[in-house]
Amino acid sequence: MPYLSAYPRAGQIALLCEGDLIGYEATLFQKWTGTELGTAPLVDIWPCGTATSIHGVSDAVGRSRPIFVIEDRDFRSADESREDCARNQKDRERRSIRVIGWSTWDRCEIENYLLEPDVLLPVFCEAFGCGDEDIISAIDEILPSLALFQAGQYAMSRARRLWLLTDPAGALLSGLSLRPQWNDRERRPVPPDESAFRTGLDRNSKTWKEHMNAIECDVVGDFDAKFKLWKSCQWRDNFWRIDWAGKEILHWLRIAMTSRFGWPVDAESAKRETLSWALSRDKREAQDRPIEAALRPRMINQFVAKLSTLPKGIRDEFGRIKTAIKSHQI
């Protein structure tokens, strides 16, 4: 790679993910890559905020280091996420970015992996001084109350994906010449044909409008279908660990547990106080933030410690990431 010296970090590979510097992805990957890969190769973690922002960061660093990208799957199907990732990788490789792999989590998002019983129960039992049955009981109350939110998010996600397919950026100028051509004999630029461009733009515009009008999006139908399947789910089911937004489940579980079992009033005291949560969304999330921050590293540590005994699908998924990174030729 011609720009190795421009890279601002020490690692040999840049792993791009969603989230922020103190978020679940960055925390988990820092610990996991340190445990599983060490310095062979040395991997830098680049949390990019959103999936859209990953594209910008990949442009920023991908010509100076090979990158490995993992996005949230969100509410896409496995086939849809593979299709999207293949398109993203192909687009970046056209820009001379060296992509080791571009994929999504098999589950909705990183928090979903922390909902596994061997991760969730020990951490919450210790944190709240309760038993497994207390956590399972809280989950059984939370899941049905979240079904409408999850189904609504699913329907919105479906609509948004269809809308993104109508993006005019690639459609309106496809096949048209906008830039001048260089004439070697006369040694000067030759401007594009204005008439040909305008004719082509008019043709592409009509095709794009026809494509937009052909898009069928049944938001209510998508919501109804999922809500019917999801509205009665309980701890014993498994789909919510895979297909729901896991961060929302953990958020409401923290609310339930601190309301019932309390939370330490300060860092140096073991005394607990039960918390009230009948707050506006902004105030509720602000109150939850330090609780989440305290539990996050415990959950990540538990996940990494238990990874070798978690369900095969999870072990295989992390195994694929490890193999892809280790087998890459620097």
C-alpha atoms as a PDB file:
ATOM      1  CA  MET A   1       0.000   0.000   0.000  1.00  0.00           C
ATOM      2  CA  PRO A   2       1.514   3.349  -1.053  1.00  0.00           C
ATOM      3  CA  TYR A   3       0.381   5.411   1.959  1.00  0.00           C
ATOM      4  CA  LEU A   4       1.455   3.278   4.930  1.00  0.00           C
ATOM      5  CA  SER A   5       3.275   6.149   6.597  1.00  0.00           C
ATOM      6  CA  ALA A   6       0.124   8.314   6.600  1.00  0.00           C
ATOM      7  CA  TYR A   7      -1.708   6.010   8.998  1.00  0.00           C
ATOM      8  CA  PRO A   8      -1.987   7.637  12.462  1.00  0.00           C
ATOM      9  CA  ARG A   9      -1.854   4.454  14.559  1.00  0.00           C
ATOM     10  CA  ALA A  10       0.500   1.552  15.141  1.00  0.00           C
ATOM     11  CA  GLY A  11      -1.668  -1.349  13.999  1.00  0.00           C
ATOM     12  CA  GLN A  12      -1.415  -3.348  10.811  1.00  0.00           C
ATOM     13  CA  ILE A  13      -5.179  -3.715  10.242  1.00  0.00           C
ATOM     14  CA  ALA A  14      -8.057  -1.319  10.952  1.00  0.00           C
ATOM     15  CA  LEU A  15     -11.248  -2.938  12.236  1.00  0.00           C
ATOM     16  CA  LEU A  16     -14.204  -0.600  11.621  1.00  0.00           C
ATOM     17  CA  CYS A  17     -17.440  -0.988  13.572  1.00  0.00           C
ATOM     18  CA  GLU A  18     -20.410   1.031  14.776  1.00  0.00           C
ATOM     19  CA  GLY A  19     -20.669   2.647  18.196  1.00  0.00           C
ATOM     20  CA  ASP A  20     -18.371   5.048  20.035  1.00  0.00           C
ATOM     21  CA  LEU A  21     -15.018   4.869  21.784  1.00  0.00           C
ATOM     22  CA  ILE A  22     -16.546   3.666  25.062  1.00  0.00           C
ATOM     23  CA  GLY A  23     -19.326   1.596  23.471  1.00  0.00           C
ATOM     24  CA  TYR A  24     -19.947  -2.139  23.424  1.00  0.00           C
ATOM     25  CA  GLU A  25     -18.303  -2.798  20.049  1.00  0.00           C
ATOM     26  CA  ALA A  26     -15.063  -0.968  20.790  1.00  0.00           C
ATOM     27  CA  THR A  27     -14.807  -2.401  24.309  1.00  0.00           C
ATOM     28  CA  LEU A  28     -15.516  -5.951  23.171  1.00  0.00           C
ATOM     29  CA  PHE A  29     -13.196  -5.841  20.166  1.00  0.00           C
ATOM     30  CA  GLN A  30     -10.345  -4.320  22.163  1.00  0.00           C
ATOM     31  CA  LYS A  31     -10.542  -7.157  24.670  1.00  0.00           C
ATOM     32  CA  TRP A  32     -11.266  -9.918  22.159  1.00  0.00           C
ATOM     33  CA  THR A  33      -8.560  -8.980  19.644  1.00  0.00           C
ATOM     34  CA  GLY A  34      -6.072  -8.587  22.486  1.00  0.00           C
ATOM     35  CA  THR A  35      -6.937 -12.061  23.768  1.00  0.00           C
ATOM     36  CA  GLU A  36      -7.319 -13.897  20.452  1.00  0.00           C
ATOM     37  CA  LEU A  37      -4.902 -12.071  18.143  1.00  0.00           C
ATOM     38  CA  GLY A  38      -2.423 -10.256  20.336  1.00  0.00           C
ATOM     39  CA  THR A  39      -0.065  -8.541  17.910  1.00  0.00           C
ATOM     40  CA  ALA A  40      -0.248 -11.146  15.137  1.00  0.00           C
ATOM     41  CA  PRO A  41      -1.539  -9.021  13.515  1.00  0.00           C
ATOM     42  CA  LEU A  42      -1.980  -5.894  15.619  1.00  0.00           C
ATOM     43  CA  VAL A  43      -5.525  -4.643  15.039  1.00  0.00           C
ATOM     44  CA  ASP A  44      -6.707  -1.075  15.618  1.00  0.00           C
ATOM     45  CA  ILE A  45     -10.372  -0.619  16.514  1.00  0.00           C
ATOM     46  CA  TRP A  46     -12.144   2.283  14.796  1.00  0.00           C
ATOM     47  CA  PRO A  47     -15.667   2.860  16.187  1.00  0.00           C
ATOM     48  CA  CYS A  48     -17.433   4.986  13.585  1.00  0.00           C
ATOM     49  CA  GLY A  49     -20.735   5.880  15.238  1.00  0.00           C
ATOM     50  CA  THR A  50     -23.204   4.768  12.574  1.00  0.00           C
ATOM     51  CA  ALA A  51     -23.134   2.383   9.613  1.00  0.00           C
ATOM     52  CA  THR A  52     -23.267   5.374   7.260  1.00  0.00           C
ATOM     53  CA  SER A  53     -20.212   6.884   8.952  1.00  0.00           C
ATOM     54  CA  ILE A  54     -18.272   3.656   8.352  1.00  0.00           C
ATOM     55  CA  HIS A  55     -18.195   4.576   4.664  1.00  0.00           C
ATOM     56  CA  GLY A  56     -16.507   7.883   5.422  1.00  0.00           C
ATOM     57  CA  VAL A  57     -13.956   6.385   7.800  1.00  0.00           C
ATOM     58  CA  SER A  58     -13.191   3.623   5.310  1.00  0.00           C
ATOM     59  CA  ASP A  59     -12.377   6.328   2.762  1.00  0.00           C
ATOM     60  CA  ALA A  60     -10.260   8.156   5.322  1.00  0.00           C
ATOM     61  CA  VAL A  61      -8.020   5.252   6.421  1.00  0.00           C
ATOM     62  CA  GLY A  62      -8.551   2.473   3.871  1.00  0.00           C
ATOM     63  CA  ARG A  63      -5.777   3.484   1.494  1.00  0.00           C
ATOM     64  CA  SER A  64      -3.184   3.428   4.247  1.00  0.00           C
ATOM     65  CA  ARG A  65      -4.242   0.191   5.981  1.00  0.00           C
ATOM     66  CA  PRO A  66      -6.330  -2.851   5.035  1.00  0.00           C
ATOM     67  CA  ILE A  67      -9.718  -2.703   6.735  1.00  0.00           C
ATOM     68  CA  PHE A  68     -12.173  -5.213   8.141  1.00  0.00           C
ATOM     69  CA  VAL A  69     -15.724  -3.899   8.583  1.00  0.00           C
ATOM     70  CA  ILE A  70     -18.579  -5.233  10.675  1.00  0.00           C
ATOM     71  CA  GLU A  71     -21.936  -3.433  10.768  1.00  0.00           C
ATOM     72  CA  ASP A  72     -25.072  -4.029  12.789  1.00  0.00           C
ATOM     73  CA  ARG A  73     -27.464  -6.285  10.882  1.00  0.00           C
ATOM     74  CA  ASP A  74     -30.372  -4.351  12.377  1.00  0.00           C
ATOM     75  CA  PHE A  75     -33.643  -5.712  10.999  1.00  0.00           C
ATOM     76  CA  ARG A  76     -32.293  -6.902   7.654  1.00  0.00           C
ATOM     77  CA  SER A  77     -32.499 -10.543   6.670  1.00  0.00           C
ATOM     78  CA  ALA A  78     -29.263 -12.502   6.328  1.00  0.00           C
ATOM     79  CA  ASP A  79     -29.528 -12.393   2.522  1.00  0.00           C
ATOM     80  CA  GLU A  80     -30.190  -8.653   2.504  1.00  0.00           C
ATOM     81  CA  SER A  81     -27.240  -7.911   4.759  1.00  0.00           C
ATOM     82  CA  ARG A  82     -24.920 -10.049   2.604  1.00  0.00           C
ATOM     83  CA  GLU A  83     -26.132  -8.241  -0.512  1.00  0.00           C
ATOM     84  CA  ASP A  84     -25.598  -4.824   1.076  1.00  0.00           C
ATOM     85  CA  CYS A  85     -22.145  -5.729   2.370  1.00  0.00           C
ATOM     86  CA  ALA A  86     -21.025  -7.133  -0.975  1.00  0.00           C
ATOM     87  CA  ARG A  87     -22.119  -3.902  -2.656  1.00  0.00           C
ATOM     88  CA  ASN A  88     -20.314  -1.777  -0.057  1.00  0.00           C
ATOM     89  CA  GLN A  89     -17.120  -3.802  -0.391  1.00  0.00           C
ATOM     90  CA  LYS A  90     -17.180  -3.659  -4.189  1.00  0.00           C
ATOM     91  CA  ASP A  91     -17.766   0.095  -4.108  1.00  0.00           C
ATOM     92  CA  ARG A  92     -14.847   0.667  -1.717  1.00  0.00           C
ATOM     93  CA  GLU A  93     -12.497  -1.582  -3.673  1.00  0.00           C
ATOM     94  CA  ARG A  94     -13.221   0.506  -6.761  1.00  0.00           C
ATOM     95  CA  ARG A  95     -11.810   3.418  -4.731  1.00  0.00           C
ATOM     96  CA  SER A  96      -8.533   1.515  -4.186  1.00  0.00           C
ATOM     97  CA  ILE A  97      -9.417   0.650  -0.593  1.00  0.00           C
ATOM     98  CA  ARG A  98      -8.074  -2.701   0.554  1.00  0.00           C
ATOM     99  CA  VAL A  99     -10.978  -4.555   2.178  1.00  0.00           C
ATOM    100  CA  ILE A 100     -10.306  -7.808   4.031  1.00  0.00           C
ATOM    101  CA  GLY A 101     -14.014  -8.312   4.651  1.00  0.00           C
ATOM    102  CA  TRP A 102     -17.236  -6.345   4.953  1.00  0.00           C
ATOM    103  CA  SER A 103     -19.966  -8.064   6.936  1.00  0.00           C
ATOM    104  CA  THR A 104     -22.692  -7.662   9.532  1.00  0.00           C
ATOM    105  CA  TRP A 105     -23.307  -9.374  12.819  1.00  0.00           C
ATOM    106  CA  ASP A 106     -25.429 -12.503  12.475  1.00  0.00           C
ATOM    107  CA  ARG A 107     -27.618 -10.992  15.203  1.00  0.00           C
ATOM    108  CA  CYS A 108     -29.303  -7.595  15.153  1.00  0.00           C
ATOM    109  CA  GLU A 109     -26.491  -5.789  16.993  1.00  0.00           C
ATOM    110  CA  ILE A 110     -23.625  -6.425  19.397  1.00  0.00           C
ATOM    111  CA  GLU A 111     -25.815  -6.130  22.517  1.00  0.00           C
ATOM    112  CA  ASN A 112     -27.767  -9.213  21.415  1.00  0.00           C
ATOM    113  CA  TYR A 113     -24.798 -11.449  22.172  1.00  0.00           C
ATOM    114  CA  LEU A 114     -24.829 -10.243  25.782  1.00  0.00           C
ATOM    115  CA  LEU A 115     -28.387 -11.537  26.193  1.00  0.00           C
ATOM    116  CA  GLU A 116     -27.145 -15.126  26.268  1.00  0.00           C
ATOM    117  CA  PRO A 117     -28.013 -16.668  29.672  1.00  0.00           C
ATOM    118  CA  ASP A 118     -24.373 -17.491  30.497  1.00  0.00           C
ATOM    119  CA  VAL A 119     -23.493 -13.825  30.025  1.00  0.00           C
ATOM    120  CA  LEU A 120     -26.553 -11.973  31.269  1.00  0.00           C
ATOM    121  CA  LEU A 121     -27.542 -13.945  34.363  1.00  0.00           C
ATOM    122  CA  PRO A 122     -24.217 -14.088  36.250  1.00  0.00           C
ATOM    123  CA  VAL A 123     -23.509 -10.390  35.696  1.00  0.00           C
ATOM    124  CA  PHE A 124     -26.950  -9.163  36.716  1.00  0.00           C
ATOM    125  CA  CYS A 125     -27.209 -11.565  39.657  1.00  0.00           C
ATOM    126  CA  GLU A 126     -23.962 -10.238  41.093  1.00  0.00           C
ATOM    127  CA  ALA A 127     -24.729  -6.603  40.300  1.00  0.00           C
ATOM    128  CA  PHE A 128     -28.198  -6.645  41.872  1.00  0.00           C
ATOM    129  CA  GLY A 129     -27.787  -9.302  44.562  1.00  0.00           C
ATOM    130  CA  CYS A 130     -30.620 -11.397  43.175  1.00  0.00           C
ATOM    131  CA  GLY A 131     -31.266 -14.829  41.680  1.00  0.00           C
ATOM    132  CA  ASP A 132     -31.678 -16.051  38.121  1.00  0.00           C
ATOM    133  CA  GLU A 133     -35.432 -16.290  38.590  1.00  0.00           C
ATOM    134  CA  ASP A 134     -35.637 -12.552  39.398  1.00  0.00           C
ATOM    135  CA  ILE A 135     -33.991 -11.625  36.118  1.00  0.00           C
ATOM    136  CA  ILE A 136     -36.016 -14.112  34.082  1.00  0.00           C
ATOM    137  CA  SER A 137     -39.219 -12.799  35.676  1.00  0.00           C
ATOM    138  CA  ALA A 138     -38.277  -9.233  34.750  1.00  0.00           C
ATOM    139  CA  ILE A 139     -37.467 -10.293  31.172  1.00  0.00           C
ATOM    140  CA  ASP A 140     -40.827 -12.069  30.876  1.00  0.00           C
ATOM    141  CA  GLU A 141     -42.547  -8.789  31.734  1.00  0.00           C
ATOM    142  CA  ILE A 142     -40.342  -6.631  29.533  1.00  0.00           C
ATOM    143  CA  LEU A 143     -40.504  -8.631  26.301  1.00  0.00           C
ATOM    144  CA  PRO A 144     -44.276  -8.386  25.633  1.00  0.00           C
ATOM    145  CA  SER A 145     -44.192  -4.680  26.480  1.00  0.00           C
ATOM    146  CA  LEU A 146     -41.399  -4.147  23.924  1.00  0.00           C
ATOM    147  CA  ALA A 147     -43.016  -6.125  21.112  1.00  0.00           C
ATOM    148  CA  LEU A 148     -44.771  -3.096  19.622  1.00  0.00           C
ATOM    149  CA  PHE A 149     -41.552  -1.046  19.657  1.00  0.00           C
ATOM    150  CA  GLN A 150     -39.577  -3.855  18.011  1.00  0.00           C
ATOM    151  CA  ALA A 151     -42.220  -4.487  15.343  1.00  0.00           C
ATOM    152  CA  GLY A 152     -42.423  -0.749  14.667  1.00  0.00           C
ATOM    153  CA  GLN A 153     -38.653  -0.546  14.277  1.00  0.00           C
ATOM    154  CA  TYR A 154     -38.771  -3.521  11.925  1.00  0.00           C
ATOM    155  CA  ALA A 155     -41.424  -1.868   9.736  1.00  0.00           C
ATOM    156  CA  MET A 156     -39.516   1.424   9.672  1.00  0.00           C
ATOM    157  CA  SER A 157     -36.297  -0.380   8.794  1.00  0.00           C
ATOM    158  CA  ARG A 158     -37.974  -2.155   5.877  1.00  0.00           C
ATOM    159  CA  ALA A 159     -39.348   1.121   4.544  1.00  0.00           C
ATOM    160  CA  ARG A 160     -36.005   2.864   4.934  1.00  0.00           C
ATOM    161  CA  ARG A 161     -34.133   0.132   3.062  1.00  0.00           C
ATOM    162  CA  LEU A 162     -36.535   0.397   0.122  1.00  0.00           C
ATOM    163  CA  TRP A 163     -36.187   4.168   0.183  1.00  0.00           C
ATOM    164  CA  LEU A 164     -32.382   3.926   0.062  1.00  0.00           C
ATOM    165  CA  LEU A 165     -32.658   1.857  -3.112  1.00  0.00           C
ATOM    166  CA  THR A 166     -34.170   4.923  -4.824  1.00  0.00           C
ATOM    167  CA  ASP A 167     -31.088   7.068  -4.106  1.00  0.00           C
ATOM    168  CA  PRO A 168     -30.636   9.200  -7.245  1.00  0.00           C
ATOM    169  CA  ALA A 169     -26.857   9.525  -6.797  1.00  0.00           C
ATOM    170  CA  GLY A 170     -26.045   6.540  -8.978  1.00  0.00           C
ATOM    171  CA  ALA A 171     -29.114   6.592 -11.226  1.00  0.00           C
ATOM    172  CA  LEU A 172     -29.354  10.111 -12.630  1.00  0.00           C
ATOM    173  CA  LEU A 173     -25.818  10.387 -14.011  1.00  0.00           C
ATOM    174  CA  SER A 174     -25.328   6.741 -14.987  1.00  0.00           C
ATOM    175  CA  GLY A 175     -23.645   6.382 -18.375  1.00  0.00           C
ATOM    176  CA  LEU A 176     -23.323  10.134 -18.914  1.00  0.00           C
ATOM    177  CA  SER A 177     -20.165  12.108 -19.649  1.00  0.00           C
ATOM    178  CA  LEU A 178     -19.740  15.090 -17.338  1.00  0.00           C
ATOM    179  CA  ARG A 179     -15.993  15.571 -17.378  1.00  0.00           C
ATOM    180  CA  PRO A 180     -13.879  16.767 -20.275  1.00  0.00           C
ATOM    181  CA  GLN A 181     -11.801  14.303 -22.280  1.00  0.00           C
ATOM    182  CA  TRP A 182      -8.132  14.901 -22.978  1.00  0.00           C
ATOM    183  CA  ASN A 183      -7.003  15.228 -26.574  1.00  0.00           C
ATOM    184  CA  ASP A 184      -3.412  13.997 -26.824  1.00  0.00           C
ATOM    185  CA  ARG A 185      -2.878  15.330 -30.337  1.00  0.00           C
ATOM    186  CA  GLU A 186      -4.040  18.861 -29.524  1.00  0.00           C
ATOM    187  CA  ARG A 187      -2.929  18.647 -25.873  1.00  0.00           C
ATOM    188  CA  ARG A 188      -6.049  20.227 -24.506  1.00  0.00           C
ATOM    189  CA  PRO A 189      -9.262  19.194 -22.742  1.00  0.00           C
ATOM    190  CA  VAL A 190     -12.367  18.655 -24.851  1.00  0.00           C
ATOM    191  CA  PRO A 191     -15.599  19.639 -23.045  1.00  0.00           C
ATOM    192  CA  PRO A 192     -18.456  17.109 -22.845  1.00  0.00           C
ATOM    193  CA  ASP A 193     -21.366  17.293 -25.280  1.00  0.00           C
ATOM    194  CA  GLU A 194     -24.004  19.413 -23.561  1.00  0.00           C
ATOM    195  CA  SER A 195     -26.846  18.229 -25.775  1.00  0.00           C
ATOM    196  CA  ALA A 196     -26.001  14.544 -25.288  1.00  0.00           C
ATOM    197  CA  PHE A 197     -25.712  15.065 -21.550  1.00  0.00           C
ATOM    198  CA  ARG A 198     -29.075  16.818 -21.309  1.00  0.00           C
ATOM    199  CA  THR A 199     -30.795  14.108 -23.378  1.00  0.00           C
ATOM    200  CA  GLY A 200     -29.291  11.382 -21.220  1.00  0.00           C
ATOM    201  CA  LEU A 201     -30.160  13.190 -17.997  1.00  0.00           C
ATOM    202  CA  ASP A 202     -33.781  13.523 -19.099  1.00  0.00           C
ATOM    203  CA  ARG A 203     -33.888   9.796 -19.961  1.00  0.00           C
ATOM    204  CA  ASN A 204     -32.314   8.780 -16.643  1.00  0.00           C
ATOM    205  CA  SER A 205     -34.626  11.080 -14.718  1.00  0.00           C
ATOM    206  CA  LYS A 206     -37.721   9.454 -16.199  1.00  0.00           C
ATOM    207  CA  THR A 207     -36.338   5.980 -15.497  1.00  0.00           C
ATOM    208  CA  TRP A 208     -35.578   6.960 -11.893  1.00  0.00           C
ATOM    209  CA  LYS A 209     -39.092   8.338 -11.358  1.00  0.00           C
ATOM    210  CA  GLU A 210     -40.591   5.151 -12.776  1.00  0.00           C
ATOM    211  CA  HIS A 211     -38.435   3.123 -10.401  1.00  0.00           C
ATOM    212  CA  MET A 212     -39.565   5.223  -7.436  1.00  0.00           C
ATOM    213  CA  ASN A 213     -43.221   4.811  -8.367  1.00  0.00           C
ATOM    214  CA  ALA A 214     -42.762   1.048  -8.710  1.00  0.00           C
ATOM    215  CA  ILE A 215     -41.523   0.666  -5.127  1.00  0.00           C
ATOM    216  CA  GLU A 216     -44.155  -1.031  -3.002  1.00  0.00           C
ATOM    217  CA  CYS A 217     -43.846  -0.526   0.742  1.00  0.00           C
ATOM    218  CA  ASP A 218     -46.474  -2.006   3.059  1.00  0.00           C
ATOM    219  CA  VAL A 219     -45.420  -0.475   6.377  1.00  0.00           C
ATOM    220  CA  VAL A 220     -48.603  -1.457   8.207  1.00  0.00           C
ATOM    221  CA  GLY A 221     -48.485  -4.980   6.808  1.00  0.00           C
ATOM    222  CA  ASP A 222     -44.853  -5.397   7.863  1.00  0.00           C
ATOM    223  CA  PHE A 223     -45.694  -4.185  11.358  1.00  0.00           C
ATOM    224  CA  ASP A 224     -48.765  -6.421  11.703  1.00  0.00           C
ATOM    225  CA  ALA A 225     -46.889  -9.530  10.560  1.00  0.00           C
ATOM    226  CA  LYS A 226     -44.082  -9.143  13.092  1.00  0.00           C
ATOM    227  CA  PHE A 227     -46.213  -7.912  15.970  1.00  0.00           C
ATOM    228  CA  LYS A 228     -48.446 -10.972  15.626  1.00  0.00           C
ATOM    229  CA  LEU A 229     -45.400 -13.247  15.924  1.00  0.00           C
ATOM    230  CA  TRP A 230     -43.637 -11.276  18.618  1.00  0.00           C
ATOM    231  CA  LYS A 231     -46.296  -9.974  20.994  1.00  0.00           C
ATOM    232  CA  SER A 232     -46.359 -12.994  23.320  1.00  0.00           C
ATOM    233  CA  CYS A 233     -42.650 -13.802  23.493  1.00  0.00           C
ATOM    234  CA  GLN A 234     -41.008 -14.898  26.735  1.00  0.00           C
ATOM    235  CA  TRP A 235     -37.570 -15.805  28.098  1.00  0.00           C
ATOM    236  CA  ARG A 236     -37.921 -19.363  26.792  1.00  0.00           C
ATOM    237  CA  ASP A 237     -38.118 -18.105  23.196  1.00  0.00           C
ATOM    238  CA  ASN A 238     -34.892 -17.319  21.383  1.00  0.00           C
ATOM    239  CA  PHE A 239     -35.779 -15.071  18.449  1.00  0.00           C
ATOM    240  CA  TRP A 240     -35.670 -11.899  20.551  1.00  0.00           C
ATOM    241  CA  ARG A 241     -32.008 -12.543  21.325  1.00  0.00           C
ATOM    242  CA  ILE A 242     -31.299 -12.688  17.595  1.00  0.00           C
ATOM    243  CA  ASP A 243     -33.708 -10.378  15.766  1.00  0.00           C
ATOM    244  CA  TRP A 244     -34.707  -7.661  18.249  1.00  0.00           C
ATOM    245  CA  ALA A 245     -32.774  -4.505  19.081  1.00  0.00           C
ATOM    246  CA  GLY A 246     -30.780  -5.835  22.025  1.00  0.00           C
ATOM    247  CA  LYS A 247     -29.772  -2.465  23.453  1.00  0.00           C
ATOM    248  CA  GLU A 248     -33.433  -1.652  24.126  1.00  0.00           C
ATOM    249  CA  ILE A 249     -33.934  -4.902  26.031  1.00  0.00           C
ATOM    250  CA  LEU A 250     -30.884  -4.231  28.205  1.00  0.00           C
ATOM    251  CA  HIS A 251     -32.042  -0.655  28.809  1.00  0.00           C
ATOM    252  CA  TRP A 252     -35.415  -1.764  30.162  1.00  0.00           C
ATOM    253  CA  LEU A 253     -33.882  -4.605  32.139  1.00  0.00           C
ATOM    254  CA  ARG A 254     -31.630  -2.119  33.932  1.00  0.00           C
ATOM    255  CA  ILE A 255     -34.708  -0.019  34.681  1.00  0.00           C
ATOM    256  CA  ALA A 256     -36.583  -3.003  36.102  1.00  0.00           C
ATOM    257  CA  MET A 257     -33.692  -4.236  38.222  1.00  0.00           C
ATOM    258  CA  THR A 258     -32.731  -0.847  39.699  1.00  0.00           C
ATOM    259  CA  SER A 259     -36.375  -0.174  40.459  1.00  0.00           C
ATOM    260  CA  ARG A 260     -36.751  -3.484  42.306  1.00  0.00           C
ATOM    261  CA  PHE A 261     -33.300  -4.099  43.809  1.00  0.00           C
ATOM    262  CA  GLY A 262     -31.771  -0.632  43.855  1.00  0.00           C
ATOM    263  CA  TRP A 263     -28.401   0.732  42.803  1.00  0.00           C
ATOM    264  CA  PRO A 264     -25.453   1.910  44.942  1.00  0.00           C
ATOM    265  CA  VAL A 265     -25.918   5.546  45.928  1.00  0.00           C
ATOM    266  CA  ASP A 266     -22.205   6.286  45.447  1.00  0.00           C
ATOM    267  CA  ALA A 267     -19.038   4.534  44.315  1.00  0.00           C
ATOM    268  CA  GLU A 268     -17.761   3.861  47.842  1.00  0.00           C
ATOM    269  CA  SER A 269     -20.994   2.615  49.415  1.00  0.00           C
ATOM    270  CA  ALA A 270     -22.619  -0.783  49.211  1.00  0.00           C
ATOM    271  CA  LYS A 271     -25.937   0.751  50.214  1.00  0.00           C
ATOM    272  CA  ARG A 272     -28.565   0.620  47.514  1.00  0.00           C
ATOM    273  CA  GLU A 273     -31.448   2.894  46.712  1.00  0.00           C
ATOM    274  CA  THR A 274     -34.320   1.960  44.438  1.00  0.00           C
ATOM    275  CA  LEU A 275     -34.645   4.339  41.495  1.00  0.00           C
ATOM    276  CA  SER A 276     -37.724   5.972  40.017  1.00  0.00           C
ATOM    277  CA  TRP A 277     -38.080   5.921  36.250  1.00  0.00           C
ATOM    278  CA  ALA A 278     -41.312   7.779  35.459  1.00  0.00           C
ATOM    279  CA  LEU A 279     -39.236  10.362  33.584  1.00  0.00           C
ATOM    280  CA  SER A 280     -39.033  11.902  30.149  1.00  0.00           C
ATOM    281  CA  ARG A 281     -37.002   9.877  27.677  1.00  0.00           C
ATOM    282  CA  ASP A 282     -34.021  12.262  27.872  1.00  0.00           C
ATOM    283  CA  LYS A 283     -33.949  12.208  31.679  1.00  0.00           C
ATOM    284  CA  ARG A 284     -34.471   8.452  31.780  1.00  0.00           C
ATOM    285  CA  GLU A 285     -31.543   7.855  29.439  1.00  0.00           C
ATOM    286  CA  ALA A 286     -29.353  10.291  31.384  1.00  0.00           C
ATOM    287  CA  GLN A 287     -30.092   8.436  34.625  1.00  0.00           C
ATOM    288  CA  ASP A 288     -29.380   5.109  32.966  1.00  0.00           C
ATOM    289  CA  ARG A 289     -26.063   6.140  31.413  1.00  0.00           C
ATOM    290  CA  PRO A 290     -23.800   5.651  34.468  1.00  0.00           C
ATOM    291  CA  ILE A 291     -25.540   2.355  35.292  1.00  0.00           C
ATOM    292  CA  GLU A 292     -24.930   1.086  31.772  1.00  0.00           C
ATOM    293  CA  ALA A 293     -21.314   2.292  31.968  1.00  0.00           C
ATOM    294  CA  ALA A 294     -20.791   0.318  35.185  1.00  0.00           C
ATOM    295  CA  LEU A 295     -22.305  -2.890  33.798  1.00  0.00           C
ATOM    296  CA  ARG A 296     -20.821  -2.726  30.291  1.00  0.00           C
ATOM    297  CA  PRO A 297     -17.282  -3.912  31.110  1.00  0.00           C
ATOM    298  CA  ARG A 298     -18.612  -6.674  33.353  1.00  0.00           C
ATOM    299  CA  MET A 299     -20.777  -7.989  30.533  1.00  0.00           C
ATOM    300  CA  ILE A 300     -17.970  -7.745  27.984  1.00  0.00           C
ATOM    301  CA  ASN A 301     -15.559  -9.563  30.300  1.00  0.00           C
ATOM    302  CA  GLN A 302     -18.125 -12.286  30.917  1.00  0.00           C
ATOM    303  CA  PHE A 303     -18.797 -12.676  27.198  1.00  0.00           C
ATOM    304  CA  VAL A 304     -15.124 -13.036  26.291  1.00  0.00           C
ATOM    305  CA  ALA A 305     -14.538 -15.430  29.195  1.00  0.00           C
ATOM    306  CA  LYS A 306     -17.499 -17.602  28.175  1.00  0.00           C
ATOM    307  CA  LEU A 307     -17.150 -17.353  24.386  1.00  0.00           C
ATOM    308  CA  SER A 308     -15.713 -20.861  23.998  1.00  0.00           C
ATOM    309  CA  THR A 309     -18.826 -22.355  25.671  1.00  0.00           C
ATOM    310  CA  LEU A 310     -21.511 -20.184  24.063  1.00  0.00           C
ATOM    311  CA  PRO A 311     -23.777 -21.585  21.290  1.00  0.00           C
ATOM    312  CA  LYS A 312     -21.943 -22.884  18.222  1.00  0.00           C
ATOM    313  CA  GLY A 313     -23.319 -20.162  15.957  1.00  0.00           C
ATOM    314  CA  ILE A 314     -21.678 -17.465  18.063  1.00  0.00           C
ATOM    315  CA  ARG A 315     -18.378 -19.352  18.314  1.00  0.00           C
ATOM    316  CA  ASP A 316     -18.349 -19.906  14.548  1.00  0.00           C
ATOM    317  CA  GLU A 317     -19.093 -16.258  13.841  1.00  0.00           C
ATOM    318  CA  PHE A 318     -16.182 -14.975  15.907  1.00  0.00           C
ATOM    319  CA  GLY A 319     -14.048 -17.769  14.501  1.00  0.00           C
ATOM    320  CA  ARG A 320     -14.724 -16.500  10.959  1.00  0.00           C
ATOM    321  CA  ILE A 321     -13.667 -12.986  11.922  1.00  0.00           C
ATOM    322  CA  LYS A 322     -10.470 -14.286  13.535  1.00  0.00           C
ATOM    323  CA  THR A 323      -9.606 -16.479  10.537  1.00  0.00           C
ATOM    324  CA  ALA A 324     -10.200 -13.700   8.019  1.00  0.00           C
ATOM    325  CA  ILE A 325      -7.966 -11.277   9.898  1.00  0.00           C
ATOM    326  CA  LYS A 326      -5.169 -13.751  10.711  1.00  0.00           C
ATOM    327  CA  SER A 327      -5.034 -15.201   7.207  1.00  0.00           C
ATOM    328  CA  HIS A 328      -4.751 -11.788   5.561  1.00  0.00           C
ATOM    329  CA  GLN A 329      -1.368 -11.046   4.035  1.00  0.00           C
ATOM    330  CA  ILE A 330      -0.140  -7.728   5.388  1.00  0.00           C
END
